[in-house]
Amino acid sequence: MIVDNSEIDSYNQLSEEVEFYRTDAARRLPSNTRSALGQFMTPAPVASFMASLFRNPLLRKMHLLDPGAGVGSLTAAFVEKVCRDNSPVEKLNVTAYEIDALLIPYLDSTLKSCLKECEAAGIEFNYEIVHRDFLGSATEMLNEDLFSSGRPNLNFTHVILNPPYKKIHSDSKARLLLRSVGIETSNLYAAFLALAIKMLEKNGELVAIVPRSFCNGPYFKLFRKFLFEQMGLQHVHVFESRDQTFQDDEVLQENLIMYAIKGGKNRQVAITSCAGPQFEDMTIFKVSADQIVDRNDSELVMHLVTSSLDQYVIDRMRVFTQSLDDLKIEVSTGPVVDFRLHQHISYEPIEQSIPLVYPSHFENHFVKWPKINSRKPNALTNAHAVQKWLFPNGNYTLVRRFSAKEERKRIVAAIHHSHAVPSEQIGFENHLNVFHANHRGLASELAQGLAVYLNATLVDIYFRQFNGHTQVNASDLRTLRYPDEQFLKTLGALAKDDNFPTQDEIDTILEKRIQTMAKISSPDPVRIKKRIAEAIAILRELGLPKAQQNERSGLTLLAITSVKPNGGVVQTVAVRLWLTG
């Protein structure tokens, strides 16, 4: 369903003024300062969309918190919305935190312009700029609140934020401050969110733009639990392209925007998505809260379903119920970190050396070793220092930990057979995940079956729903559910004699298996995705702009072609003529 985004487009002089401040400040800010503070300032279209998500409660007084305010883009967008909506608001107070002294004059100018905007709308406007670290200030206030009856500084009705993106070390002062108020997290963005939630009034509203990485993984499990206990999720916006949100800052992190109400109920959630940074052709898909987080999932992994097609994928994957523990299989990160063992690394195998496997040794989903004249080493010297990092030679399933940002598949699995190397031991480099049984190899057909299953298109699509970056961690692979051992071995029989099945063969047998296990009447999402990919390839061949080479344009092309009953080449030619005029 396409939604109207006219509210987002209605910029006025204030928006244009603040956007100028943002671009000027970004030009002046040293890159090392931005990196140290985790700063990525919000473009005007994003800020306007975020402000549009707030509802219009019948409040006469509002108190807005903007942690990490930057030049004030988000506050300005909020003020524009309040003034534009003709709401009953009589008084608006803003508390804006900013730690960077270079940005304070810009922020002050923005808030003075907000004052003029509110005066014109008959709204009393007051603001306070707090030139302090929000984390330190907020934990201080929250700790003071533990010993007092009132909440003089903790009465915010609204929060809007684009928090800094930076890791927090476990032994840092910031981590200790957060623990003092009951918050445990490893990233500043989650820390800012948790603190803001604690400072929000009951029924208060929050809109934030944050990385998608909190949606899964053990490091953010406590944060997800806190979020779902405190807030009722109402709306999530997903960006289809990872490099569009903060184009000026070259941020490749996948981000989302969420809107939630403190103490609200998690019943139905609107999920919107769009292809470009201007929120054009935005679609909406409404789901129940249980569709985002399975009530039976102890890990509380979030699945962001943007279409019926995504839901078809989830319905199929839930047919498989086996965990790796059920299968008595473990998965670990490859233990060999080459730069730490550089004195024991050998580019070419030598007598009594131990084979070392990298992702570069993958060839048609099998490990081919050695790889002569490779840029990566092939072996380790047989020294005492390397022994604790080795596995006994055996049959293992391996998965690449990293993929290129726009690579077609996120999960790429391969099989290491014991006969692939002439050694009793083997090393697996750190850019691999290794499936094993108590640090030993697997039965041959089981290792093969795992590789076949993990290479299925359905599994890859499902994985992308909750994985917000290009890294495939061992913890993510533990989160997946798998077929039973018998069916895995059936899949493994397809990969015997070093012949790996084709993608179509894998996807067909998996869909047949699903249909025998459950009554699923929805169309096969993998088949639909492949048709969309074919349509996008035609758009690419026709030379359409890159921004139009996306799933939505592919679906449009398929819809056009479906008008013609004959299909085939004639139909495709007709479409090409239609597209090119």
Protein backbone atom coordinates (compact mmCIF):
# COMPACT_ATOMS: atom_id res chain seq x y z
CA MET A 1 0.00 0.00 0.00
CA ILE A 2 1.43 3.40 -1.04
CA VAL A 3 1.10 6.15 1.57
CA ASP A 4 0.80 9.91 1.21
CA ASN A 5 3.97 11.74 2.22
CA SER A 6 2.81 15.27 1.52
CA GLU A 7 3.35 16.27 5.15
CA ILE A 8 7.03 15.43 4.82
CA ASP A 9 7.39 17.66 1.77
CA SER A 10 5.94 20.77 3.41
CA TYR A 11 9.20 22.46 4.36
CA ASN A 12 9.20 26.14 5.27
CA GLN A 13 11.88 28.74 5.82
CA LEU A 14 12.87 27.22 9.17
CA SER A 15 13.66 23.84 7.57
CA GLU A 16 15.77 25.43 4.86
CA GLU A 17 17.64 27.56 7.40
CA VAL A 18 18.49 24.61 9.64
CA GLU A 19 19.48 22.46 6.67
CA PHE A 20 21.99 25.16 5.76
CA TYR A 21 23.36 25.03 9.32
CA ARG A 22 23.69 21.25 9.06
CA THR A 23 25.62 21.26 5.80
CA ASP A 24 27.85 24.13 6.95
CA ALA A 25 28.60 22.42 10.29
CA ALA A 26 29.31 19.10 8.55
CA ARG A 27 31.82 20.91 6.33
CA ARG A 28 33.59 22.44 9.33
CA LEU A 29 33.57 19.42 11.64
CA PRO A 30 36.83 17.44 11.50
CA SER A 31 36.20 13.81 10.51
CA ASN A 32 38.13 12.57 13.54
CA THR A 33 35.82 14.56 15.85
CA ARG A 34 32.73 13.10 14.21
CA SER A 35 34.21 9.63 14.55
CA ALA A 36 35.16 10.15 18.20
CA LEU A 37 31.68 11.40 19.11
CA GLY A 38 29.75 9.09 16.76
CA GLN A 39 28.09 12.09 15.09
CA PHE A 40 25.83 11.72 12.05
CA MET A 41 23.54 14.72 11.66
CA THR A 42 19.99 14.31 10.41
CA PRO A 43 19.08 15.53 6.89
CA ALA A 44 15.92 17.67 6.57
CA PRO A 45 13.71 15.03 4.84
CA VAL A 46 14.52 12.47 7.54
CA ALA A 47 13.90 14.98 10.35
CA SER A 48 10.58 16.03 8.82
CA PHE A 49 9.43 12.43 8.47
CA MET A 50 10.40 11.66 12.06
CA ALA A 51 8.42 14.61 13.38
CA SER A 52 5.40 13.59 11.29
CA LEU A 53 5.13 10.33 13.24
CA PHE A 54 4.11 12.05 16.49
CA ARG A 55 0.40 12.01 17.13
CA ASN A 56 -1.67 15.04 18.04
CA PRO A 57 -2.63 14.55 21.69
CA LEU A 58 -4.82 17.16 23.34
CA LEU A 59 -1.94 18.55 25.39
CA ARG A 60 -1.69 22.20 26.33
CA LYS A 61 1.89 21.89 27.59
CA MET A 62 4.68 19.89 25.92
CA HIS A 63 8.24 19.30 27.06
CA LEU A 64 10.53 17.96 24.34
CA LEU A 65 13.88 16.25 25.00
CA ASP A 66 16.46 16.24 22.18
CA PRO A 67 19.56 14.33 23.36
CA GLY A 68 22.53 14.95 21.08
CA ALA A 69 20.73 17.80 19.31
CA GLY A 70 23.48 18.75 16.86
CA VAL A 71 22.38 21.89 14.99
CA GLY A 72 18.76 21.32 16.07
CA SER A 73 17.35 19.69 12.93
CA LEU A 74 15.02 17.35 14.82
CA THR A 75 13.75 20.00 17.23
CA ALA A 76 13.07 22.37 14.33
CA ALA A 77 11.08 19.67 12.51
CA PHE A 78 9.08 19.01 15.69
CA VAL A 79 8.33 22.72 16.16
CA GLU A 80 7.20 22.96 12.53
CA LYS A 81 4.78 20.09 13.03
CA VAL A 82 3.31 21.54 16.24
CA CYS A 83 2.81 24.96 14.65
CA ARG A 84 1.44 23.53 11.40
CA ASP A 85 -1.08 21.16 13.04
CA ASN A 86 -3.12 23.90 14.77
CA SER A 87 -2.99 21.81 17.92
CA PRO A 88 -4.22 23.10 21.31
CA VAL A 89 -0.64 23.49 22.55
CA GLU A 90 -0.16 26.69 24.52
CA LYS A 91 3.36 26.13 25.84
CA LEU A 92 6.33 24.22 24.42
CA ASN A 93 9.54 23.72 26.39
CA VAL A 94 12.63 22.22 24.75
CA THR A 95 15.69 20.75 26.48
CA ALA A 96 18.48 20.19 23.95
CA TYR A 97 21.73 18.43 24.83
CA GLU A 98 24.88 18.95 22.77
CA ILE A 99 28.45 18.14 23.78
CA ASP A 100 30.29 19.62 20.77
CA ALA A 101 31.15 23.30 21.33
CA LEU A 102 31.38 23.92 17.56
CA LEU A 103 27.69 23.07 17.14
CA ILE A 104 26.35 25.20 20.01
CA PRO A 105 26.09 28.51 18.02
CA TYR A 106 24.20 26.71 15.24
CA LEU A 107 21.88 25.10 17.79
CA ASP A 108 21.24 28.43 19.51
CA SER A 109 20.38 30.07 16.18
CA THR A 110 17.99 27.22 15.35
CA LEU A 111 16.18 27.51 18.68
CA LYS A 112 15.86 31.27 18.32
CA SER A 113 14.23 30.67 14.95
CA CYS A 114 11.92 28.12 16.61
CA LEU A 115 10.95 30.82 19.10
CA LYS A 116 9.87 33.11 16.24
CA GLU A 117 7.95 30.25 14.62
CA CYS A 118 6.04 29.58 17.85
CA GLU A 119 5.37 33.25 18.50
CA ALA A 120 3.75 33.47 15.07
CA ALA A 121 1.54 30.48 15.99
CA GLY A 122 0.60 31.93 19.41
CA ILE A 123 2.59 29.32 21.36
CA GLU A 124 4.82 30.17 24.31
CA PHE A 125 8.29 28.73 23.63
CA ASN A 126 11.13 28.22 26.10
CA TYR A 127 14.37 26.41 25.52
CA GLU A 128 17.45 25.28 27.39
CA ILE A 129 20.72 24.21 25.77
CA VAL A 130 22.65 21.82 28.00
CA HIS A 131 26.31 21.82 26.93
CA ARG A 132 27.05 18.52 28.65
CA ASP A 133 27.35 14.84 27.89
CA PHE A 134 23.76 13.54 27.92
CA LEU A 135 24.80 10.16 29.32
CA GLY A 136 26.52 11.68 32.36
CA SER A 137 23.78 14.25 32.98
CA ALA A 138 20.90 11.76 32.59
CA THR A 139 22.42 9.12 34.88
CA GLU A 140 23.08 11.83 37.46
CA MET A 141 19.44 12.97 37.39
CA LEU A 142 18.11 9.42 37.46
CA ASN A 143 20.27 8.56 40.46
CA GLU A 144 19.08 11.70 42.24
CA ASP A 145 15.50 10.69 41.48
CA LEU A 146 16.02 7.40 43.35
CA PHE A 147 16.37 9.38 46.58
CA SER A 148 13.69 12.00 46.02
CA SER A 149 9.90 11.91 45.78
CA GLY A 150 9.54 14.26 42.84
CA ARG A 151 10.66 14.13 39.19
CA PRO A 152 11.50 17.80 38.47
CA ASN A 153 13.85 16.99 35.60
CA LEU A 154 12.16 13.82 34.36
CA ASN A 155 8.85 15.04 33.01
CA PHE A 156 9.33 14.96 29.25
CA THR A 157 6.20 14.43 27.19
CA HIS A 158 8.13 13.89 23.95
CA VAL A 159 11.57 12.66 22.91
CA ILE A 160 13.08 12.94 19.45
CA LEU A 161 16.62 11.70 18.88
CA ASN A 162 19.37 10.66 16.54
CA PRO A 163 21.83 9.27 19.08
CA PRO A 164 25.58 8.79 18.56
CA TYR A 165 26.71 5.44 17.15
CA LYS A 166 29.69 4.19 19.13
CA LYS A 167 30.66 1.14 21.17
CA ILE A 168 31.02 1.36 24.96
CA HIS A 169 33.83 -0.66 26.51
CA SER A 170 32.83 -2.91 29.39
CA ASP A 171 35.28 -1.27 31.82
CA SER A 172 34.59 2.35 30.79
CA LYS A 173 33.19 5.10 33.01
CA ALA A 174 30.12 5.32 30.74
CA ARG A 175 29.35 1.63 31.30
CA LEU A 176 29.62 2.06 35.08
CA LEU A 177 27.30 5.08 35.01
CA LEU A 178 24.73 3.15 32.99
CA ARG A 179 24.86 0.19 35.38
CA SER A 180 24.16 2.58 38.26
CA VAL A 181 20.69 3.19 36.77
CA GLY A 182 20.06 -0.41 35.72
CA ILE A 183 21.06 -0.15 32.04
CA GLU A 184 23.35 -2.74 30.44
CA THR A 185 24.31 -2.13 26.83
CA SER A 186 27.42 -2.04 24.66
CA ASN A 187 26.57 0.86 22.34
CA LEU A 188 25.92 4.56 22.90
CA TYR A 189 22.80 4.62 20.72
CA ALA A 190 21.05 2.02 22.89
CA ALA A 191 22.26 3.82 26.02
CA PHE A 192 20.78 7.15 24.85
CA LEU A 193 17.51 5.42 23.96
CA ALA A 194 17.24 3.64 27.31
CA LEU A 195 18.01 6.82 29.27
CA ALA A 196 15.50 8.84 27.23
CA ILE A 197 12.82 6.21 27.86
CA LYS A 198 13.46 6.38 31.61
CA MET A 199 13.06 10.19 31.48
CA LEU A 200 9.81 10.04 29.52
CA GLU A 201 6.41 10.48 31.19
CA LYS A 202 3.84 7.71 31.06
CA ASN A 203 2.04 7.93 27.72
CA GLY A 204 4.91 10.05 26.48
CA GLU A 205 5.96 9.67 22.84
CA LEU A 206 9.38 8.82 21.41
CA VAL A 207 10.71 8.92 17.84
CA ALA A 208 14.27 7.81 17.14
CA ILE A 209 16.49 6.92 14.21
CA VAL A 210 18.90 4.15 15.17
CA PRO A 211 20.89 1.29 13.64
CA ARG A 212 19.02 -1.96 13.04
CA SER A 213 21.66 -3.93 14.90
CA PHE A 214 19.63 -3.97 18.14
CA CYS A 215 16.97 -6.13 16.46
CA ASN A 216 18.92 -9.34 17.05
CA GLY A 217 21.93 -10.78 18.82
CA PRO A 218 22.84 -11.46 22.46
CA TYR A 219 24.50 -8.08 23.04
CA PHE A 220 21.19 -6.24 22.68
CA LYS A 221 18.88 -8.85 24.24
CA LEU A 222 18.58 -6.98 27.56
CA PHE A 223 17.92 -3.75 25.69
CA ARG A 224 15.17 -5.38 23.60
CA LYS A 225 13.59 -6.75 26.78
CA PHE A 226 13.68 -3.28 28.37
CA LEU A 227 12.26 -1.65 25.24
CA PHE A 228 9.31 -4.04 24.97
CA GLU A 229 8.56 -3.82 28.70
CA GLN A 230 8.57 -0.02 28.75
CA MET A 231 7.27 1.01 25.35
CA GLY A 232 4.46 0.16 23.02
CA LEU A 233 5.88 0.04 19.51
CA GLN A 234 3.55 1.81 17.06
CA HIS A 235 5.49 2.42 13.86
CA VAL A 236 8.79 1.29 12.31
CA HIS A 237 10.25 2.71 9.12
CA VAL A 238 12.79 0.65 7.20
CA PHE A 239 15.18 2.09 4.60
CA GLU A 240 15.54 -0.26 1.63
CA SER A 241 19.00 1.12 0.79
CA ARG A 242 21.70 1.20 3.46
CA ASP A 243 23.60 4.16 1.96
CA GLN A 244 20.77 6.66 1.46
CA THR A 245 19.93 7.89 4.99
CA PHE A 246 23.15 9.76 5.78
CA GLN A 247 24.59 10.18 2.29
CA ASP A 248 26.79 13.14 3.25
CA ASP A 249 28.50 11.12 6.01
CA GLU A 250 28.97 7.94 3.94
CA VAL A 251 27.24 5.84 6.60
CA LEU A 252 26.63 2.26 5.44
CA GLN A 253 24.92 1.08 8.64
CA GLU A 254 21.33 -0.06 8.08
CA ASN A 255 19.05 2.26 10.04
CA LEU A 256 15.42 2.34 11.06
CA ILE A 257 13.08 4.93 12.53
CA MET A 258 10.75 3.90 15.31
CA TYR A 259 7.83 5.56 17.05
CA ALA A 260 6.70 4.25 20.43
CA ILE A 261 4.52 5.28 23.38
CA LYS A 262 5.59 4.73 26.97
CA GLY A 263 3.26 2.23 28.59
CA GLY A 264 1.39 1.77 25.32
CA LYS A 265 0.18 -1.62 24.16
CA ASN A 266 2.02 -3.63 21.52
CA ARG A 267 -0.98 -4.59 19.40
CA GLN A 268 -0.66 -3.49 15.78
CA VAL A 269 2.48 -1.97 14.31
CA ALA A 270 2.72 -0.03 11.05
CA ILE A 271 5.87 -0.81 9.07
CA THR A 272 6.72 1.59 6.26
CA SER A 273 9.55 1.37 3.76
CA CYS A 274 10.92 3.39 0.88
CA ALA A 275 13.74 3.19 -1.62
CA GLY A 276 15.12 6.73 -1.54
CA PRO A 277 16.11 9.43 0.97
CA GLN A 278 13.16 11.66 0.03
CA PHE A 279 10.57 9.07 1.21
CA GLU A 280 9.04 8.84 -2.25
CA ASP A 281 6.71 5.91 -3.07
CA MET A 282 6.53 4.88 0.56
CA THR A 283 4.63 1.68 1.31
CA ILE A 284 2.92 0.60 4.53
CA PHE A 285 2.29 -2.87 5.92
CA LYS A 286 0.42 -3.40 9.20
CA VAL A 287 1.27 -6.37 11.39
CA SER A 288 0.51 -7.64 14.88
CA ALA A 289 3.23 -7.32 17.50
CA ASP A 290 3.56 -11.13 17.53
CA GLN A 291 4.62 -11.02 13.89
CA ILE A 292 7.57 -8.79 14.82
CA VAL A 293 8.62 -10.72 17.93
CA ASP A 294 7.52 -14.33 18.24
CA ARG A 295 6.12 -14.78 21.75
CA ASN A 296 7.87 -18.16 21.93
CA ASP A 297 11.27 -16.68 21.09
CA SER A 298 13.33 -16.30 24.26
CA GLU A 299 15.88 -14.20 22.33
CA LEU A 300 13.24 -11.57 21.41
CA VAL A 301 14.56 -11.22 17.86
CA MET A 302 12.72 -8.57 15.84
CA HIS A 303 11.53 -9.44 12.33
CA LEU A 304 10.71 -6.33 10.31
CA VAL A 305 8.10 -7.48 7.82
CA THR A 306 7.54 -4.85 5.13
CA SER A 307 5.19 -6.80 2.85
CA SER A 308 3.03 -9.89 2.50
CA LEU A 309 5.99 -11.45 0.74
CA ASP A 310 8.11 -11.09 3.88
CA GLN A 311 5.34 -12.71 5.90
CA TYR A 312 5.23 -15.66 3.52
CA VAL A 313 8.93 -16.17 4.27
CA ILE A 314 8.38 -16.14 8.06
CA ASP A 315 5.45 -18.56 7.79
CA ARG A 316 7.66 -21.04 5.97
CA MET A 317 10.70 -20.69 8.22
CA ARG A 318 8.59 -21.31 11.33
CA VAL A 319 7.93 -24.82 10.02
CA PHE A 320 11.49 -25.69 11.04
CA THR A 321 11.78 -25.97 14.82
CA GLN A 322 15.16 -27.56 15.57
CA SER A 323 17.83 -25.51 17.34
CA LEU A 324 21.50 -26.31 17.02
CA ASP A 325 21.36 -27.59 20.61
CA ASP A 326 18.61 -30.00 19.56
CA LEU A 327 20.86 -31.23 16.76
CA LYS A 328 23.87 -31.44 19.13
CA ILE A 329 25.76 -29.08 16.82
CA GLU A 330 27.74 -26.00 17.80
CA VAL A 331 28.89 -23.00 15.77
CA SER A 332 31.94 -20.90 16.60
CA THR A 333 33.94 -18.09 15.07
CA GLY A 334 37.08 -19.30 13.34
CA PRO A 335 39.80 -19.06 16.04
CA VAL A 336 42.86 -18.25 13.90
CA VAL A 337 43.54 -14.49 13.86
CA ASP A 338 46.32 -14.31 11.30
CA PHE A 339 48.01 -11.07 12.40
CA ARG A 340 48.44 -12.48 15.92
CA LEU A 341 50.17 -15.55 14.52
CA HIS A 342 52.01 -13.77 11.71
CA GLN A 343 55.32 -15.43 12.57
CA HIS A 344 53.70 -18.84 12.02
CA ILE A 345 51.90 -17.99 8.76
CA SER A 346 53.00 -19.54 5.46
CA TYR A 347 51.70 -18.52 2.04
CA GLU A 348 52.67 -21.85 0.50
CA PRO A 349 52.35 -25.27 2.18
CA ILE A 350 55.64 -26.65 3.45
CA GLU A 351 56.55 -29.99 4.96
CA GLN A 352 54.50 -30.77 8.09
CA SER A 353 52.64 -27.45 7.87
CA ILE A 354 48.99 -27.30 8.92
CA PRO A 355 46.36 -26.26 6.35
CA LEU A 356 44.77 -22.86 7.03
CA VAL A 357 41.35 -22.16 5.47
CA TYR A 358 40.05 -18.70 4.54
CA PRO A 359 36.82 -17.71 2.76
CA SER A 360 38.97 -17.39 -0.37
CA HIS A 361 39.29 -21.17 -0.35
CA PHE A 362 35.54 -21.51 -1.10
CA GLU A 363 34.94 -22.84 -4.61
CA ASN A 364 31.43 -23.88 -5.66
CA HIS A 365 30.56 -24.35 -1.95
CA PHE A 366 33.46 -26.71 -1.24
CA VAL A 367 36.84 -25.96 0.32
CA LYS A 368 39.57 -26.22 -2.29
CA TRP A 369 43.01 -26.25 -0.71
CA PRO A 370 45.68 -25.09 -1.28
CA LYS A 371 45.09 -21.99 -3.36
CA ILE A 372 48.45 -21.29 -4.97
CA ASN A 373 49.43 -17.68 -5.71
CA SER A 374 46.62 -16.47 -3.49
CA ARG A 375 46.74 -13.15 -1.65
CA LYS A 376 45.90 -15.11 1.50
CA PRO A 377 48.13 -17.63 3.29
CA ASN A 378 47.57 -21.36 2.96
CA ALA A 379 49.22 -22.81 6.04
CA LEU A 380 50.48 -22.54 9.60
CA THR A 381 53.78 -23.89 10.80
CA ASN A 382 53.41 -26.86 13.12
CA ALA A 383 54.45 -24.96 16.26
CA HIS A 384 53.34 -25.30 19.87
CA ALA A 385 51.96 -21.72 19.83
CA VAL A 386 49.30 -22.56 17.22
CA GLN A 387 48.00 -25.82 18.70
CA LYS A 388 45.22 -24.33 20.82
CA TRP A 389 43.74 -22.61 17.75
CA LEU A 390 43.34 -25.76 15.67
CA PHE A 391 40.56 -28.26 14.99
CA PRO A 392 41.09 -31.95 14.29
CA ASN A 393 40.64 -32.57 10.58
CA GLY A 394 37.09 -33.68 9.79
CA ASN A 395 33.90 -32.69 8.00
CA TYR A 396 32.81 -29.14 8.83
CA THR A 397 30.25 -26.66 7.54
CA LEU A 398 31.72 -23.19 7.11
CA VAL A 399 29.94 -19.84 6.66
CA ARG A 400 31.55 -16.58 5.61
CA ARG A 401 31.31 -13.93 8.32
CA PHE A 402 31.39 -10.92 5.98
CA SER A 403 29.79 -10.02 2.68
CA ALA A 404 30.05 -6.99 0.44
CA LYS A 405 27.46 -4.33 1.25
CA GLU A 406 25.22 -4.98 -1.77
CA GLU A 407 26.13 -8.62 -2.40
CA ARG A 408 23.30 -10.81 -3.65
CA LYS A 409 23.46 -13.27 -0.73
CA ARG A 410 24.24 -12.61 2.91
CA ILE A 411 24.80 -16.25 3.93
CA VAL A 412 27.40 -18.18 1.94
CA ALA A 413 28.14 -21.70 3.22
CA ALA A 414 30.69 -24.28 2.11
CA ILE A 415 31.70 -27.82 3.08
CA HIS A 416 35.12 -28.83 4.28
CA HIS A 417 35.64 -32.56 3.78
CA SER A 418 38.33 -34.35 5.72
CA HIS A 419 39.83 -35.63 2.47
CA ALA A 420 40.34 -32.06 1.20
CA VAL A 421 43.62 -31.66 3.12
CA PRO A 422 46.47 -34.10 3.89
CA SER A 423 46.65 -33.37 7.61
CA GLU A 424 45.36 -34.53 10.99
CA GLN A 425 44.71 -30.90 12.04
CA ILE A 426 43.30 -27.81 10.37
CA GLY A 427 43.05 -24.09 11.08
CA PHE A 428 39.98 -21.98 10.34
CA GLU A 429 40.62 -18.26 9.97
CA ASN A 430 38.62 -15.66 11.91
CA HIS A 431 36.52 -14.56 8.92
CA LEU A 432 34.70 -17.91 9.03
CA ASN A 433 32.01 -19.46 11.22
CA VAL A 434 32.55 -23.15 11.89
CA PHE A 435 29.79 -25.72 12.56
CA HIS A 436 31.16 -28.60 14.63
CA ALA A 437 30.24 -31.23 17.24
CA ASN A 438 32.07 -30.52 20.49
CA HIS A 439 35.08 -29.18 18.58
CA ARG A 440 35.14 -32.16 16.24
CA GLY A 441 33.89 -32.78 12.72
CA LEU A 442 30.35 -33.75 11.73
CA ALA A 443 29.02 -36.76 9.88
CA SER A 444 29.66 -36.14 6.19
CA GLU A 445 26.00 -35.99 5.06
CA LEU A 446 25.08 -33.78 8.05
CA ALA A 447 27.82 -31.25 7.21
CA GLN A 448 26.70 -31.31 3.57
CA GLY A 449 23.04 -30.93 4.52
CA LEU A 450 23.74 -27.91 6.72
CA ALA A 451 25.59 -26.24 3.86
CA VAL A 452 22.75 -26.93 1.43
CA TYR A 453 20.13 -25.61 3.86
CA LEU A 454 22.10 -22.46 4.72
CA ASN A 455 22.54 -21.69 1.02
CA ALA A 456 18.78 -21.77 0.42
CA THR A 457 17.33 -18.50 -0.85
CA LEU A 458 14.51 -18.73 1.73
CA VAL A 459 17.01 -18.83 4.60
CA ASP A 460 18.92 -15.87 3.20
CA ILE A 461 15.79 -13.73 2.80
CA TYR A 462 14.67 -14.62 6.32
CA PHE A 463 18.09 -13.81 7.75
CA ARG A 464 18.03 -10.33 6.22
CA GLN A 465 14.75 -9.57 8.02
CA PHE A 466 16.46 -9.44 11.40
CA ASN A 467 20.11 -8.91 10.53
CA GLY A 468 20.86 -5.23 10.01
CA HIS A 469 24.43 -5.40 8.78
CA THR A 470 26.64 -7.35 6.38
CA GLN A 471 28.22 -9.45 9.11
CA VAL A 472 27.04 -13.01 9.82
CA ASN A 473 27.89 -13.80 13.43
CA ALA A 474 27.89 -17.18 15.14
CA SER A 475 25.18 -15.85 17.46
CA ASP A 476 22.97 -15.09 14.43
CA LEU A 477 23.40 -18.66 13.17
CA ARG A 478 22.43 -19.98 16.61
CA THR A 479 19.23 -17.91 16.40
CA LEU A 480 18.11 -19.68 13.21
CA ARG A 481 15.92 -22.78 13.34
CA TYR A 482 16.85 -25.84 11.29
CA PRO A 483 15.19 -28.95 9.81
CA ASP A 484 15.54 -32.22 11.70
CA GLU A 485 18.66 -34.35 11.28
CA GLN A 486 16.97 -36.79 8.90
CA PHE A 487 15.98 -34.08 6.42
CA LEU A 488 19.38 -32.39 6.71
CA LYS A 489 20.96 -35.66 5.67
CA THR A 490 18.49 -35.88 2.78
CA LEU A 491 19.69 -32.45 1.68
CA GLY A 492 23.27 -33.62 2.20
CA ALA A 493 22.80 -36.42 -0.30
CA LEU A 494 22.38 -33.69 -2.95
CA ALA A 495 25.97 -32.54 -2.36
CA LYS A 496 27.85 -35.81 -2.65
CA ASP A 497 30.94 -36.42 -4.83
CA ASP A 498 31.89 -32.74 -4.63
CA ASN A 499 28.92 -31.75 -6.80
CA PHE A 500 26.86 -29.03 -5.16
CA PRO A 501 23.18 -28.70 -6.16
CA THR A 502 22.03 -25.67 -8.13
CA GLN A 503 20.16 -22.85 -6.42
CA ASP A 504 16.90 -23.90 -8.09
CA GLU A 505 17.34 -27.50 -6.91
CA ILE A 506 17.90 -26.35 -3.32
CA ASP A 507 14.95 -23.97 -3.32
CA THR A 508 12.59 -26.49 -4.95
CA ILE A 509 13.28 -29.33 -2.52
CA LEU A 510 12.95 -26.99 0.47
CA GLU A 511 9.57 -25.67 -0.70
CA LYS A 512 8.35 -29.25 -1.29
CA ARG A 513 9.42 -30.22 2.21
CA ILE A 514 7.63 -27.23 3.73
CA GLN A 515 4.42 -28.10 1.90
CA THR A 516 4.50 -31.62 3.35
CA MET A 517 5.00 -30.28 6.89
CA ALA A 518 2.39 -27.52 7.02
CA LYS A 519 -0.73 -26.27 5.29
CA ILE A 520 0.61 -23.08 3.69
CA SER A 521 -1.54 -21.75 0.88
CA SER A 522 0.43 -18.57 0.16
CA PRO A 523 2.51 -18.40 -3.04
CA ASP A 524 6.19 -19.34 -2.93
CA PRO A 525 8.06 -16.13 -1.96
CA VAL A 526 11.36 -17.40 -3.37
CA ARG A 527 9.84 -17.88 -6.82
CA ILE A 528 8.33 -14.39 -6.64
CA LYS A 529 11.66 -12.88 -5.55
CA LYS A 530 13.39 -14.52 -8.51
CA ARG A 531 10.83 -13.04 -10.91
CA ILE A 532 11.42 -9.62 -9.35
CA ALA A 533 15.19 -10.04 -9.77
CA GLU A 534 14.66 -10.87 -13.45
CA ALA A 535 12.56 -7.75 -13.85
CA ILE A 536 15.25 -5.59 -12.17
CA ALA A 537 17.81 -7.07 -14.56
CA ILE A 538 15.68 -5.86 -17.49
CA LEU A 539 15.49 -2.38 -15.93
CA ARG A 540 19.27 -2.40 -15.56
CA GLU A 541 19.72 -3.48 -19.18
CA LEU A 542 17.47 -0.67 -20.29
CA GLY A 543 19.75 1.81 -18.54
CA LEU A 544 17.24 3.12 -16.00
CA PRO A 545 18.75 5.20 -13.16
CA LYS A 546 20.16 3.15 -10.30
CA ALA A 547 17.54 4.59 -7.93
CA GLN A 548 14.83 2.91 -10.06
CA GLN A 549 16.56 -0.47 -10.13
CA ASN A 550 14.79 -1.74 -7.02
CA GLU A 551 12.17 -4.22 -5.91
CA ARG A 552 9.30 -1.76 -6.22
CA SER A 553 10.16 -0.94 -9.83
CA GLY A 554 10.58 -4.66 -10.52
CA LEU A 555 7.10 -5.35 -9.16
CA THR A 556 5.71 -2.52 -11.29
CA LEU A 557 7.29 -4.04 -14.37
CA LEU A 558 5.85 -7.47 -13.53
CA ALA A 559 2.42 -5.93 -13.03
CA ILE A 560 2.63 -4.32 -16.46
CA THR A 561 3.73 -7.52 -18.15
CA SER A 562 1.01 -9.56 -16.51
CA VAL A 563 -1.58 -7.59 -18.51
CA LYS A 564 -0.48 -9.46 -21.62
CA PRO A 565 -1.59 -13.11 -21.53
CA ASN A 566 0.99 -14.48 -23.97
CA GLY A 567 4.12 -13.51 -22.03
CA GLY A 568 7.49 -14.63 -23.32
CA VAL A 569 9.81 -12.65 -25.55
CA VAL A 570 7.08 -10.68 -27.32
CA GLN A 571 5.77 -9.46 -23.98
CA THR A 572 9.25 -8.41 -22.80
CA VAL A 573 9.94 -6.50 -26.03
CA ALA A 574 6.60 -4.74 -25.69
CA VAL A 575 7.46 -3.66 -22.15
CA ARG A 576 10.86 -2.38 -23.26
CA LEU A 577 9.22 -0.32 -25.99
CA TRP A 578 6.68 1.01 -23.49
CA LEU A 579 9.36 1.96 -20.96
CA THR A 580 11.55 3.71 -23.52
CA GLY A 581 8.66 5.47 -25.23
